[in-house]
Amino acid sequence: GQYLEFIDRVQHFLPDAGIAGDIIVGFPTETEADFEATCDLVRRVPFKNNFVFKYSPRPGTVAIDRFPDDVPEDVKRVRINHLLDIQSEVSRRAHEREIGRVRNVFVEKLGQSRSQSGPVQLGWEKPTVQLSGRTSGDMITVFDVVDSASAAALIGHIVPVRIDSAAFSCERTVQIGHHANFWLVLVQSVDLRAIAQQPGSGISGEIQCCDSSGADTGNR
């Protein structure tokens, strides 16, 4: 259809573009065939994430005056869980395709200090500091630098980072249709001197890349 043709053009002319969307499950008159068509669309399009909600009336919901809310609540819950499972797999593939690539990350803010050896800091180690930013494809990215002063100096700048791995975790509260996916991409600490000496060469370090799907406590 028209939407898929648009997506094909985006991927052809902007191959690094990130694709995301908003989907309502259980809209009035939605049939099982309608829902399966939605699932097929999500499988077909390489969404990095989707915000998925189950339909429910709220102030300003025009549809409630035009259509009966005829999809049972238990059916909505089953459908949203099924769609979120599909989206989780699609998101996993989208993020894993980033492994090995160098991405320019716009650094937005400071994260947390942490030990290089994990939760226990060794006496001879200096803790690293995390920075959070976004790639041009809108993937939230967190990486380590050597100290707070170096981290503060990078805020507002674009830094090349090589993505080395991806991991996934999710939280879901079915009762209120709340679901969030957090993607973590991990590499090594950033050497700021390497940035100055080799501009544009890319940083090989520890990086986290996070995205959310359905991160909302309300329904639609």
N, C-alpha and C. Protein backbone atom coordinates (compact mmCIF):
# COMPACT_ATOMS: atom_id res chain seq x y z
N GLY A 1 0.82 -1.19 0.00
CA GLY A 1 0.00 0.00 0.00
C GLY A 1 0.86 1.26 0.00
N GLN A 2 0.20 2.40 0.12
CA GLN A 2 0.88 3.68 0.06
C GLN A 2 1.93 3.83 1.16
N TYR A 3 1.60 3.37 2.36
CA TYR A 3 2.54 3.50 3.49
C TYR A 3 3.81 2.68 3.23
N LEU A 4 3.66 1.45 2.76
CA LEU A 4 4.83 0.61 2.49
C LEU A 4 5.67 1.19 1.35
N GLU A 5 5.03 1.78 0.36
CA GLU A 5 5.78 2.43 -0.72
C GLU A 5 6.60 3.59 -0.17
N PHE A 6 6.01 4.33 0.76
CA PHE A 6 6.72 5.44 1.40
C PHE A 6 7.93 4.92 2.18
N ILE A 7 7.74 3.85 2.95
CA ILE A 7 8.84 3.26 3.73
C ILE A 7 9.95 2.79 2.80
N ASP A 8 9.59 2.18 1.67
CA ASP A 8 10.60 1.72 0.71
C ASP A 8 11.41 2.90 0.17
N ARG A 9 10.75 4.02 -0.08
CA ARG A 9 11.47 5.21 -0.58
C ARG A 9 12.41 5.75 0.50
N VAL A 10 11.94 5.77 1.73
CA VAL A 10 12.79 6.24 2.83
C VAL A 10 14.04 5.39 2.93
N GLN A 11 13.87 4.07 2.90
CA GLN A 11 15.03 3.17 3.03
C GLN A 11 15.98 3.29 1.85
N HIS A 12 15.43 3.62 0.68
CA HIS A 12 16.27 3.75 -0.51
C HIS A 12 17.10 5.04 -0.46
N PHE A 13 16.46 6.15 -0.13
CA PHE A 13 17.14 7.44 -0.16
C PHE A 13 17.80 7.81 1.16
N LEU A 14 17.29 7.27 2.27
CA LEU A 14 17.83 7.56 3.61
C LEU A 14 18.05 6.25 4.35
N PRO A 15 19.03 5.47 3.93
CA PRO A 15 19.20 4.12 4.50
C PRO A 15 19.50 4.10 6.00
N ASP A 16 19.97 5.22 6.56
CA ASP A 16 20.27 5.27 8.00
C ASP A 16 19.13 5.85 8.83
N ALA A 17 18.00 6.13 8.19
CA ALA A 17 16.88 6.72 8.93
C ALA A 17 16.31 5.72 9.93
N GLY A 18 15.94 6.22 11.11
CA GLY A 18 15.25 5.40 12.10
C GLY A 18 13.75 5.51 11.90
N ILE A 19 13.06 4.38 11.95
CA ILE A 19 11.61 4.36 11.72
C ILE A 19 10.91 3.97 13.01
N ALA A 20 9.95 4.79 13.44
CA ALA A 20 9.18 4.52 14.65
C ALA A 20 7.73 4.89 14.38
N GLY A 21 6.84 4.49 15.29
CA GLY A 21 5.43 4.79 15.07
C GLY A 21 4.61 4.68 16.34
N ASP A 22 3.33 4.96 16.21
CA ASP A 22 2.35 4.82 17.29
C ASP A 22 1.22 3.94 16.77
N ILE A 23 0.84 2.94 17.54
CA ILE A 23 -0.19 1.99 17.12
C ILE A 23 -1.22 1.83 18.23
N ILE A 24 -2.49 1.88 17.86
CA ILE A 24 -3.58 1.62 18.80
C ILE A 24 -4.14 0.23 18.51
N VAL A 25 -4.21 -0.59 19.54
CA VAL A 25 -4.77 -1.93 19.44
C VAL A 25 -6.19 -1.91 20.02
N GLY A 26 -7.12 -2.60 19.35
CA GLY A 26 -8.48 -2.70 19.87
C GLY A 26 -9.34 -1.50 19.57
N PHE A 27 -9.01 -0.76 18.50
CA PHE A 27 -9.87 0.35 18.09
C PHE A 27 -11.25 -0.19 17.73
N PRO A 28 -12.33 0.57 17.98
CA PRO A 28 -13.67 0.06 17.69
C PRO A 28 -13.79 -0.52 16.29
N THR A 29 -14.45 -1.65 16.20
CA THR A 29 -14.71 -2.45 14.98
C THR A 29 -13.49 -3.26 14.54
N GLU A 30 -12.36 -3.20 15.26
CA GLU A 30 -11.19 -3.97 14.86
C GLU A 30 -11.50 -5.47 14.91
N THR A 31 -11.30 -6.14 13.79
CA THR A 31 -11.51 -7.58 13.72
C THR A 31 -10.19 -8.30 13.90
N GLU A 32 -10.25 -9.62 14.01
CA GLU A 32 -9.02 -10.41 14.11
C GLU A 32 -8.19 -10.25 12.84
N ALA A 33 -8.86 -10.16 11.70
CA ALA A 33 -8.14 -9.96 10.43
C ALA A 33 -7.46 -8.59 10.41
N ASP A 34 -8.14 -7.56 10.93
CA ASP A 34 -7.52 -6.24 11.02
C ASP A 34 -6.26 -6.29 11.88
N PHE A 35 -6.37 -6.96 13.01
CA PHE A 35 -5.23 -7.04 13.92
C PHE A 35 -4.06 -7.80 13.28
N GLU A 36 -4.36 -8.88 12.59
CA GLU A 36 -3.29 -9.65 11.93
C GLU A 36 -2.62 -8.82 10.85
N ALA A 37 -3.40 -7.97 10.17
CA ALA A 37 -2.80 -7.07 9.16
C ALA A 37 -1.83 -6.10 9.83
N THR A 38 -2.18 -5.62 11.03
CA THR A 38 -1.27 -4.75 11.79
C THR A 38 0.01 -5.50 12.15
N CYS A 39 -0.14 -6.74 12.61
CA CYS A 39 1.04 -7.55 12.95
C CYS A 39 1.94 -7.76 11.74
N ASP A 40 1.33 -8.03 10.58
CA ASP A 40 2.11 -8.22 9.35
C ASP A 40 2.87 -6.95 8.99
N LEU A 41 2.24 -5.79 9.20
CA LEU A 41 2.91 -4.53 8.91
C LEU A 41 4.14 -4.34 9.80
N VAL A 42 3.98 -4.63 11.09
CA VAL A 42 5.10 -4.48 12.02
C VAL A 42 6.23 -5.44 11.66
N ARG A 43 5.90 -6.65 11.22
CA ARG A 43 6.94 -7.59 10.80
C ARG A 43 7.65 -7.10 9.54
N ARG A 44 6.92 -6.43 8.68
CA ARG A 44 7.45 -6.01 7.38
C ARG A 44 8.36 -4.78 7.48
N VAL A 45 8.01 -3.84 8.36
CA VAL A 45 8.75 -2.57 8.45
C VAL A 45 9.80 -2.67 9.56
N PRO A 46 11.04 -2.24 9.30
CA PRO A 46 12.10 -2.34 10.33
C PRO A 46 12.00 -1.24 11.38
N PHE A 47 10.88 -1.23 12.14
CA PHE A 47 10.71 -0.22 13.17
C PHE A 47 11.79 -0.37 14.24
N LYS A 48 12.46 0.72 14.58
CA LYS A 48 13.38 0.66 15.72
C LYS A 48 12.58 0.58 17.01
N ASN A 49 11.41 1.20 17.03
CA ASN A 49 10.48 1.06 18.15
C ASN A 49 9.11 1.54 17.73
N ASN A 50 8.09 1.09 18.45
CA ASN A 50 6.72 1.57 18.29
C ASN A 50 6.14 1.83 19.67
N PHE A 51 5.37 2.88 19.79
CA PHE A 51 4.60 3.10 21.00
C PHE A 51 3.23 2.50 20.78
N VAL A 52 2.92 1.46 21.55
CA VAL A 52 1.71 0.66 21.33
C VAL A 52 0.77 0.85 22.51
N PHE A 53 -0.48 1.16 22.23
CA PHE A 53 -1.47 1.40 23.27
C PHE A 53 -2.74 0.62 22.95
N LYS A 54 -3.50 0.29 23.99
CA LYS A 54 -4.81 -0.28 23.73
C LYS A 54 -5.85 0.82 23.83
N TYR A 55 -6.83 0.75 22.94
CA TYR A 55 -7.84 1.80 22.86
C TYR A 55 -8.70 1.84 24.11
N SER A 56 -8.98 3.06 24.56
CA SER A 56 -9.96 3.25 25.63
C SER A 56 -10.43 4.69 25.56
N PRO A 57 -11.68 4.95 25.93
CA PRO A 57 -12.18 6.32 25.88
C PRO A 57 -11.51 7.21 26.92
N ARG A 58 -11.27 8.44 26.57
CA ARG A 58 -10.76 9.45 27.48
C ARG A 58 -11.28 10.79 26.99
N PRO A 59 -11.19 11.84 27.78
CA PRO A 59 -11.71 13.14 27.33
C PRO A 59 -11.15 13.54 25.98
N GLY A 60 -12.04 13.92 25.08
CA GLY A 60 -11.63 14.33 23.74
C GLY A 60 -11.56 13.19 22.75
N THR A 61 -11.89 11.95 23.16
CA THR A 61 -11.87 10.82 22.23
C THR A 61 -13.11 10.90 21.34
N VAL A 62 -12.93 11.39 20.11
CA VAL A 62 -14.05 11.60 19.20
C VAL A 62 -14.69 10.27 18.80
N ALA A 63 -13.86 9.23 18.66
CA ALA A 63 -14.36 7.94 18.17
C ALA A 63 -15.43 7.35 19.07
N ILE A 64 -15.38 7.66 20.37
CA ILE A 64 -16.34 7.04 21.29
C ILE A 64 -17.76 7.48 20.99
N ASP A 65 -17.95 8.65 20.38
CA ASP A 65 -19.28 9.12 20.00
C ASP A 65 -19.72 8.59 18.64
N ARG A 66 -18.80 7.97 17.92
CA ARG A 66 -19.12 7.50 16.58
C ARG A 66 -19.17 5.97 16.47
N PHE A 67 -18.39 5.30 17.31
CA PHE A 67 -18.32 3.84 17.23
C PHE A 67 -18.47 3.25 18.63
N PRO A 68 -19.15 2.13 18.75
CA PRO A 68 -19.19 1.44 20.05
C PRO A 68 -17.84 0.83 20.37
N ASP A 69 -17.46 0.86 21.63
CA ASP A 69 -16.20 0.24 22.06
C ASP A 69 -16.44 -1.27 22.14
N ASP A 70 -16.43 -1.93 20.98
CA ASP A 70 -16.93 -3.30 20.88
C ASP A 70 -15.86 -4.38 20.95
N VAL A 71 -14.59 -4.00 21.18
CA VAL A 71 -13.54 -5.01 21.34
C VAL A 71 -13.38 -5.27 22.84
N PRO A 72 -13.63 -6.49 23.32
CA PRO A 72 -13.56 -6.78 24.76
C PRO A 72 -12.18 -6.47 25.33
N GLU A 73 -12.16 -6.09 26.60
CA GLU A 73 -10.91 -5.72 27.26
C GLU A 73 -9.90 -6.86 27.27
N ASP A 74 -10.36 -8.09 27.49
CA ASP A 74 -9.42 -9.21 27.52
C ASP A 74 -8.83 -9.46 26.14
N VAL A 75 -9.60 -9.20 25.08
CA VAL A 75 -9.07 -9.35 23.72
C VAL A 75 -8.01 -8.27 23.46
N LYS A 76 -8.27 -7.06 23.93
CA LYS A 76 -7.28 -5.99 23.77
C LYS A 76 -5.96 -6.37 24.45
N ARG A 77 -6.05 -6.94 25.66
CA ARG A 77 -4.83 -7.30 26.39
C ARG A 77 -4.05 -8.38 25.64
N VAL A 78 -4.75 -9.38 25.12
CA VAL A 78 -4.08 -10.44 24.38
C VAL A 78 -3.41 -9.87 23.13
N ARG A 79 -4.12 -9.01 22.44
CA ARG A 79 -3.59 -8.45 21.19
C ARG A 79 -2.39 -7.55 21.44
N ILE A 80 -2.47 -6.70 22.47
CA ILE A 80 -1.35 -5.79 22.71
C ILE A 80 -0.10 -6.57 23.12
N ASN A 81 -0.28 -7.62 23.91
CA ASN A 81 0.88 -8.44 24.30
C ASN A 81 1.50 -9.13 23.09
N HIS A 82 0.66 -9.64 22.21
CA HIS A 82 1.16 -10.32 21.02
C HIS A 82 1.91 -9.34 20.12
N LEU A 83 1.33 -8.16 19.93
CA LEU A 83 1.98 -7.17 19.08
C LEU A 83 3.29 -6.69 19.69
N LEU A 84 3.32 -6.50 20.99
CA LEU A 84 4.56 -6.08 21.65
C LEU A 84 5.65 -7.14 21.54
N ASP A 85 5.28 -8.40 21.58
CA ASP A 85 6.26 -9.47 21.39
C ASP A 85 6.86 -9.40 19.99
N ILE A 86 6.01 -9.15 19.00
CA ILE A 86 6.50 -9.02 17.62
C ILE A 86 7.43 -7.81 17.51
N GLN A 87 6.99 -6.69 18.08
CA GLN A 87 7.81 -5.48 18.01
C GLN A 87 9.15 -5.64 18.72
N SER A 88 9.17 -6.38 19.81
CA SER A 88 10.42 -6.62 20.51
C SER A 88 11.43 -7.32 19.61
N GLU A 89 10.98 -8.30 18.86
CA GLU A 89 11.88 -9.02 17.95
C GLU A 89 12.33 -8.11 16.81
N VAL A 90 11.41 -7.31 16.27
CA VAL A 90 11.76 -6.38 15.20
C VAL A 90 12.77 -5.35 15.71
N SER A 91 12.55 -4.83 16.92
CA SER A 91 13.48 -3.87 17.51
C SER A 91 14.85 -4.49 17.73
N ARG A 92 14.87 -5.75 18.20
CA ARG A 92 16.15 -6.42 18.44
C ARG A 92 16.95 -6.49 17.14
N ARG A 93 16.31 -6.88 16.06
CA ARG A 93 17.03 -6.97 14.78
C ARG A 93 17.51 -5.60 14.32
N ALA A 94 16.66 -4.58 14.50
CA ALA A 94 17.04 -3.22 14.06
C ALA A 94 18.27 -2.74 14.81
N HIS A 95 18.34 -3.02 16.11
CA HIS A 95 19.48 -2.57 16.90
C HIS A 95 20.72 -3.41 16.62
N GLU A 96 20.55 -4.70 16.42
CA GLU A 96 21.71 -5.55 16.15
C GLU A 96 22.34 -5.22 14.80
N ARG A 97 21.56 -4.67 13.88
CA ARG A 97 22.14 -4.24 12.60
C ARG A 97 23.13 -3.09 12.77
N GLU A 98 23.07 -2.41 13.92
CA GLU A 98 23.99 -1.31 14.18
C GLU A 98 25.38 -1.79 14.61
N ILE A 99 25.49 -3.05 15.01
CA ILE A 99 26.77 -3.56 15.50
C ILE A 99 27.84 -3.47 14.42
N GLY A 100 28.98 -2.93 14.80
CA GLY A 100 30.10 -2.79 13.87
C GLY A 100 30.11 -1.48 13.11
N ARG A 101 29.05 -0.71 13.21
CA ARG A 101 28.98 0.55 12.49
C ARG A 101 29.47 1.70 13.37
N VAL A 102 30.00 2.73 12.74
CA VAL A 102 30.37 3.96 13.44
C VAL A 102 29.24 4.96 13.25
N ARG A 103 28.70 5.46 14.35
CA ARG A 103 27.60 6.41 14.30
C ARG A 103 28.01 7.73 14.96
N ASN A 104 27.59 8.83 14.36
CA ASN A 104 27.79 10.13 15.00
C ASN A 104 26.72 10.31 16.06
N VAL A 105 27.16 10.58 17.29
CA VAL A 105 26.26 10.71 18.43
C VAL A 105 26.28 12.15 18.92
N PHE A 106 25.12 12.79 18.94
CA PHE A 106 25.00 14.12 19.53
C PHE A 106 24.88 13.97 21.04
N VAL A 107 25.86 14.47 21.77
CA VAL A 107 25.93 14.27 23.22
C VAL A 107 24.99 15.26 23.90
N GLU A 108 24.05 14.73 24.70
CA GLU A 108 23.02 15.57 25.31
C GLU A 108 23.25 15.86 26.79
N LYS A 109 23.68 14.85 27.56
CA LYS A 109 23.73 15.05 29.01
C LYS A 109 24.66 14.05 29.67
N LEU A 110 24.97 14.34 30.93
CA LEU A 110 25.78 13.44 31.75
C LEU A 110 24.95 12.26 32.22
N GLY A 111 25.63 11.12 32.37
CA GLY A 111 25.01 9.95 32.98
C GLY A 111 25.55 9.76 34.37
N GLN A 112 26.02 8.55 34.69
CA GLN A 112 26.51 8.24 36.03
C GLN A 112 27.97 7.83 35.98
N SER A 113 28.67 8.05 37.11
CA SER A 113 30.03 7.53 37.25
C SER A 113 29.95 6.05 37.59
N ARG A 114 30.93 5.26 37.13
CA ARG A 114 30.93 3.84 37.46
C ARG A 114 32.34 3.28 37.37
N SER A 115 32.56 2.16 38.06
CA SER A 115 33.86 1.50 38.05
C SER A 115 34.03 0.69 36.78
N GLN A 116 35.25 0.64 36.25
CA GLN A 116 35.52 -0.16 35.06
C GLN A 116 35.40 -1.65 35.34
N SER A 117 35.55 -2.05 36.60
CA SER A 117 35.51 -3.48 36.94
C SER A 117 34.12 -3.93 37.40
N GLY A 118 33.11 -3.04 37.33
CA GLY A 118 31.77 -3.44 37.72
C GLY A 118 31.33 -2.72 38.98
N PRO A 119 30.46 -3.35 39.77
CA PRO A 119 29.91 -2.68 40.95
C PRO A 119 30.96 -2.40 42.03
N VAL A 120 32.08 -3.15 42.03
CA VAL A 120 33.13 -2.93 43.04
C VAL A 120 34.28 -2.19 42.38
N GLN A 121 34.62 -1.02 42.91
CA GLN A 121 35.70 -0.23 42.35
C GLN A 121 37.02 -0.60 43.02
N LEU A 122 38.01 -0.96 42.21
CA LEU A 122 39.34 -1.28 42.72
C LEU A 122 40.09 0.00 43.06
N GLY A 123 40.99 -0.09 44.04
CA GLY A 123 41.67 1.10 44.54
C GLY A 123 42.49 1.82 43.50
N TRP A 124 43.04 1.11 42.53
CA TRP A 124 43.90 1.74 41.53
C TRP A 124 43.13 2.20 40.29
N GLU A 125 41.83 1.96 40.28
CA GLU A 125 41.03 2.36 39.13
C GLU A 125 40.43 3.74 39.31
N LYS A 126 40.30 4.46 38.20
CA LYS A 126 39.55 5.70 38.18
C LYS A 126 38.17 5.41 37.59
N PRO A 127 37.11 5.84 38.27
CA PRO A 127 35.78 5.59 37.71
C PRO A 127 35.57 6.35 36.41
N THR A 128 34.81 5.77 35.51
CA THR A 128 34.46 6.45 34.27
C THR A 128 33.13 7.16 34.44
N VAL A 129 32.82 8.04 33.53
CA VAL A 129 31.59 8.82 33.57
C VAL A 129 30.81 8.54 32.29
N GLN A 130 29.51 8.32 32.44
CA GLN A 130 28.68 8.06 31.27
C GLN A 130 28.13 9.35 30.68
N LEU A 131 28.00 9.34 29.35
CA LEU A 131 27.35 10.42 28.62
C LEU A 131 26.19 9.82 27.83
N SER A 132 25.14 10.60 27.67
CA SER A 132 23.97 10.14 26.92
C SER A 132 23.74 11.07 25.73
N GLY A 133 23.43 10.46 24.60
CA GLY A 133 23.15 11.24 23.40
C GLY A 133 22.31 10.44 22.42
N ARG A 134 22.20 10.94 21.21
CA ARG A 134 21.39 10.28 20.19
C ARG A 134 22.15 10.23 18.86
N THR A 135 21.93 9.14 18.14
CA THR A 135 22.46 9.04 16.79
C THR A 135 21.54 9.82 15.85
N SER A 136 21.95 9.96 14.59
CA SER A 136 21.10 10.64 13.62
C SER A 136 19.82 9.85 13.35
N GLY A 137 19.84 8.54 13.67
CA GLY A 137 18.65 7.71 13.56
C GLY A 137 17.82 7.69 14.83
N ASP A 138 18.10 8.60 15.79
CA ASP A 138 17.36 8.78 17.03
C ASP A 138 17.46 7.59 17.97
N MET A 139 18.58 6.89 17.96
CA MET A 139 18.83 5.85 18.95
C MET A 139 19.57 6.48 20.13
N ILE A 140 18.94 6.42 21.30
CA ILE A 140 19.55 6.99 22.50
C ILE A 140 20.80 6.18 22.84
N THR A 141 21.91 6.87 23.01
CA THR A 141 23.20 6.21 23.15
C THR A 141 23.92 6.69 24.40
N VAL A 142 24.46 5.77 25.18
CA VAL A 142 25.20 6.11 26.39
C VAL A 142 26.58 5.49 26.29
N PHE A 143 27.62 6.30 26.50
CA PHE A 143 28.98 5.78 26.43
C PHE A 143 29.82 6.36 27.56
N ASP A 144 30.98 5.77 27.81
CA ASP A 144 31.84 6.16 28.93
C ASP A 144 32.97 7.08 28.48
N VAL A 145 33.30 8.03 29.36
CA VAL A 145 34.51 8.84 29.19
C VAL A 145 35.30 8.78 30.49
N VAL A 146 36.53 9.33 30.48
CA VAL A 146 37.45 9.06 31.58
C VAL A 146 37.16 9.85 32.85
N ASP A 147 36.56 11.05 32.74
CA ASP A 147 36.30 11.83 33.95
C ASP A 147 35.21 12.86 33.69
N SER A 148 34.75 13.51 34.76
CA SER A 148 33.64 14.46 34.66
C SER A 148 33.98 15.66 33.81
N ALA A 149 35.20 16.15 33.91
CA ALA A 149 35.59 17.33 33.13
C ALA A 149 35.56 17.03 31.64
N SER A 150 36.08 15.85 31.28
CA SER A 150 36.05 15.45 29.87
C SER A 150 34.63 15.27 29.38
N ALA A 151 33.79 14.70 30.25
CA ALA A 151 32.39 14.47 29.88
C ALA A 151 31.67 15.79 29.64
N ALA A 152 31.85 16.74 30.55
CA ALA A 152 31.18 18.03 30.43
C ALA A 152 31.59 18.75 29.15
N ALA A 153 32.85 18.58 28.75
CA ALA A 153 33.36 19.25 27.56
C ALA A 153 32.71 18.72 26.27
N LEU A 154 32.16 17.51 26.32
CA LEU A 154 31.58 16.91 25.12
C LEU A 154 30.10 17.22 24.94
N ILE A 155 29.44 17.70 26.00
CA ILE A 155 28.00 17.98 25.89
C ILE A 155 27.76 19.06 24.83
N GLY A 156 26.83 18.76 23.92
CA GLY A 156 26.53 19.68 22.83
C GLY A 156 27.35 19.44 21.59
N HIS A 157 28.24 18.43 21.63
CA HIS A 157 29.08 18.11 20.49
C HIS A 157 28.66 16.77 19.87
N ILE A 158 29.08 16.55 18.65
CA ILE A 158 28.83 15.29 17.94
C ILE A 158 30.09 14.45 17.98
N VAL A 159 29.96 13.21 18.46
CA VAL A 159 31.10 12.32 18.67
C VAL A 159 30.90 11.03 17.86
N PRO A 160 31.90 10.60 17.07
CA PRO A 160 31.78 9.33 16.37
C PRO A 160 32.02 8.15 17.31
N VAL A 161 31.13 7.18 17.31
CA VAL A 161 31.22 6.02 18.21
C VAL A 161 30.98 4.75 17.42
N ARG A 162 31.81 3.74 17.66
CA ARG A 162 31.59 2.44 17.03
C ARG A 162 30.76 1.55 17.95
N ILE A 163 29.71 0.96 17.42
CA ILE A 163 28.83 0.09 18.20
C ILE A 163 29.32 -1.33 18.11
N ASP A 164 29.54 -1.96 19.26
CA ASP A 164 30.13 -3.29 19.30
C ASP A 164 29.17 -4.41 19.68
N SER A 165 28.09 -4.12 20.39
CA SER A 165 27.18 -5.19 20.80
C SER A 165 25.83 -4.61 21.19
N ALA A 166 24.84 -5.47 21.33
CA ALA A 166 23.51 -5.02 21.71
C ALA A 166 22.90 -6.00 22.70
N ALA A 167 22.13 -5.48 23.65
CA ALA A 167 21.43 -6.32 24.62
C ALA A 167 20.05 -5.74 24.83
N PHE A 168 19.15 -6.53 25.40
CA PHE A 168 17.75 -6.13 25.49
C PHE A 168 17.15 -6.54 26.82
N SER A 169 16.30 -5.65 27.35
CA SER A 169 15.46 -6.01 28.50
C SER A 169 14.16 -5.27 28.36
N CYS A 170 13.09 -5.73 29.01
CA CYS A 170 11.81 -5.04 28.90
C CYS A 170 11.04 -5.14 30.19
N GLU A 171 10.14 -4.19 30.38
CA GLU A 171 9.23 -4.20 31.51
C GLU A 171 7.82 -4.05 30.95
N ARG A 172 6.87 -4.77 31.55
CA ARG A 172 5.51 -4.70 31.03
C ARG A 172 4.51 -4.79 32.17
N THR A 173 3.57 -3.87 32.19
CA THR A 173 2.45 -3.96 33.12
C THR A 173 1.19 -4.05 32.28
N VAL A 174 0.69 -5.26 32.11
CA VAL A 174 -0.38 -5.51 31.16
C VAL A 174 -1.65 -4.76 31.54
N GLN A 175 -1.91 -4.60 32.83
CA GLN A 175 -3.18 -4.03 33.27
C GLN A 175 -3.41 -2.62 32.72
N ILE A 176 -2.35 -1.85 32.56
CA ILE A 176 -2.53 -0.49 32.09
C ILE A 176 -1.90 -0.28 30.72
N GLY A 177 -1.53 -1.37 30.07
CA GLY A 177 -0.98 -1.25 28.74
C GLY A 177 0.38 -0.60 28.70
N HIS A 178 1.14 -0.70 29.79
CA HIS A 178 2.45 -0.06 29.86
C HIS A 178 3.52 -1.06 29.43
N HIS A 179 4.40 -0.62 28.56
CA HIS A 179 5.45 -1.52 28.08
C HIS A 179 6.65 -0.67 27.67
N ALA A 180 7.83 -1.08 28.05
CA ALA A 180 9.02 -0.34 27.64
C ALA A 180 10.12 -1.30 27.26
N ASN A 181 10.79 -1.03 26.14
CA ASN A 181 11.95 -1.80 25.72
C ASN A 181 13.20 -0.94 25.90
N PHE A 182 14.24 -1.48 26.48
CA PHE A 182 15.48 -0.74 26.66
C PHE A 182 16.61 -1.51 25.98
N TRP A 183 17.17 -0.90 24.95
CA TRP A 183 18.25 -1.54 24.20
C TRP A 183 19.57 -0.98 24.69
N LEU A 184 20.50 -1.89 24.99
CA LEU A 184 21.81 -1.48 25.50
C LEU A 184 22.89 -1.94 24.54
N VAL A 185 23.66 -1.00 24.06
CA VAL A 185 24.77 -1.32 23.16
C VAL A 185 26.06 -1.00 23.90
N LEU A 186 26.93 -2.01 24.06
CA LEU A 186 28.10 -1.85 24.93
C LEU A 186 29.41 -1.95 24.15
N VAL A 187 30.30 -0.95 24.37
CA VAL A 187 31.66 -1.03 23.82
C VAL A 187 32.69 -0.63 24.91
N GLN A 188 33.95 -0.05 24.66
CA GLN A 188 34.93 0.27 25.72
C GLN A 188 34.95 1.75 26.05
N SER A 189 35.77 2.16 27.07
CA SER A 189 35.76 3.57 27.39
C SER A 189 36.37 4.43 26.32
N VAL A 190 35.88 5.68 26.26
CA VAL A 190 36.28 6.60 25.20
C VAL A 190 37.59 7.27 25.59
N ASP A 191 38.55 7.32 24.67
CA ASP A 191 39.80 8.05 24.88
C ASP A 191 39.65 9.40 24.19
N LEU A 192 39.47 10.46 24.98
CA LEU A 192 39.22 11.77 24.39
C LEU A 192 40.42 12.28 23.59
N ARG A 193 41.63 11.85 23.96
CA ARG A 193 42.80 12.26 23.19
C ARG A 193 42.75 11.70 21.79
N ALA A 194 42.18 10.51 21.65
CA ALA A 194 42.05 9.91 20.31
C ALA A 194 41.12 10.73 19.45
N ILE A 195 40.11 11.36 20.06
CA ILE A 195 39.19 12.19 19.28
C ILE A 195 39.94 13.40 18.72
N ALA A 196 40.76 14.02 19.58
CA ALA A 196 41.49 15.21 19.14
C ALA A 196 42.54 14.88 18.09
N GLN A 197 43.19 13.72 18.23
CA GLN A 197 44.27 13.36 17.32
C GLN A 197 43.76 12.79 16.00
N GLN A 198 42.59 12.13 16.06
CA GLN A 198 42.07 11.47 14.86
C GLN A 198 40.60 11.85 14.67
N PRO A 199 40.31 13.10 14.34
CA PRO A 199 38.92 13.52 14.21
C PRO A 199 38.21 12.72 13.13
N GLY A 200 36.99 12.28 13.45
CA GLY A 200 36.19 11.55 12.48
C GLY A 200 36.54 10.08 12.36
N SER A 201 37.54 9.62 13.12
CA SER A 201 37.95 8.22 12.98
C SER A 201 37.02 7.27 13.70
N GLY A 202 36.23 7.77 14.63
CA GLY A 202 35.31 6.92 15.37
C GLY A 202 35.88 6.49 16.70
N ILE A 203 35.02 6.40 17.71
CA ILE A 203 35.44 5.98 19.05
C ILE A 203 35.08 4.52 19.22
N SER A 204 36.01 3.75 19.73
CA SER A 204 35.70 2.38 20.10
C SER A 204 35.63 2.33 21.60
N GLY A 205 34.44 2.22 22.15
CA GLY A 205 34.33 2.27 23.60
C GLY A 205 33.07 1.61 24.09
N GLU A 206 32.73 1.78 25.38
CA GLU A 206 31.50 1.22 25.94
C GLU A 206 30.36 2.19 25.68
N ILE A 207 29.33 1.71 25.03
CA ILE A 207 28.20 2.57 24.66
C ILE A 207 26.90 1.86 24.96
N GLN A 208 25.92 2.58 25.41
CA GLN A 208 24.59 2.03 25.60
C GLN A 208 23.64 2.71 24.64
N CYS A 209 22.78 1.95 24.02
CA CYS A 209 21.79 2.51 23.11
C CYS A 209 20.42 2.09 23.60
N CYS A 210 19.57 3.05 23.94
CA CYS A 210 18.28 2.74 24.58
C CYS A 210 17.14 3.30 23.75
N ASP A 211 16.09 2.49 23.63
CA ASP A 211 14.86 2.91 22.97
C ASP A 211 13.68 2.39 23.74
N SER A 212 12.58 3.09 23.67
CA SER A 212 11.38 2.65 24.40
C SER A 212 10.27 2.33 23.43
N SER A 213 9.50 1.30 23.75
CA SER A 213 8.33 0.95 22.97
C SER A 213 7.13 0.86 23.90
N GLY A 214 6.14 1.66 23.64
CA GLY A 214 4.95 1.63 24.47
C GLY A 214 5.18 2.17 25.85
N ALA A 215 6.15 3.07 26.01
CA ALA A 215 6.46 3.59 27.35
C ALA A 215 5.45 4.67 27.73
N ASP A 216 4.29 4.22 28.16
CA ASP A 216 3.23 5.14 28.53
C ASP A 216 2.32 4.43 29.52
N THR A 217 1.91 5.12 30.56
CA THR A 217 1.10 4.48 31.58
C THR A 217 -0.39 4.56 31.27
N GLY A 218 -0.74 5.24 30.22
CA GLY A 218 -2.16 5.38 29.90
C GLY A 218 -2.54 4.60 28.67
N ASN A 219 -3.80 4.60 28.33
CA ASN A 219 -4.31 3.96 27.13
C ASN A 219 -4.68 5.04 26.11
N ARG A 220 -5.05 4.60 24.93
CA ARG A 220 -5.48 5.54 23.89
C ARG A 220 -6.83 5.10 23.34
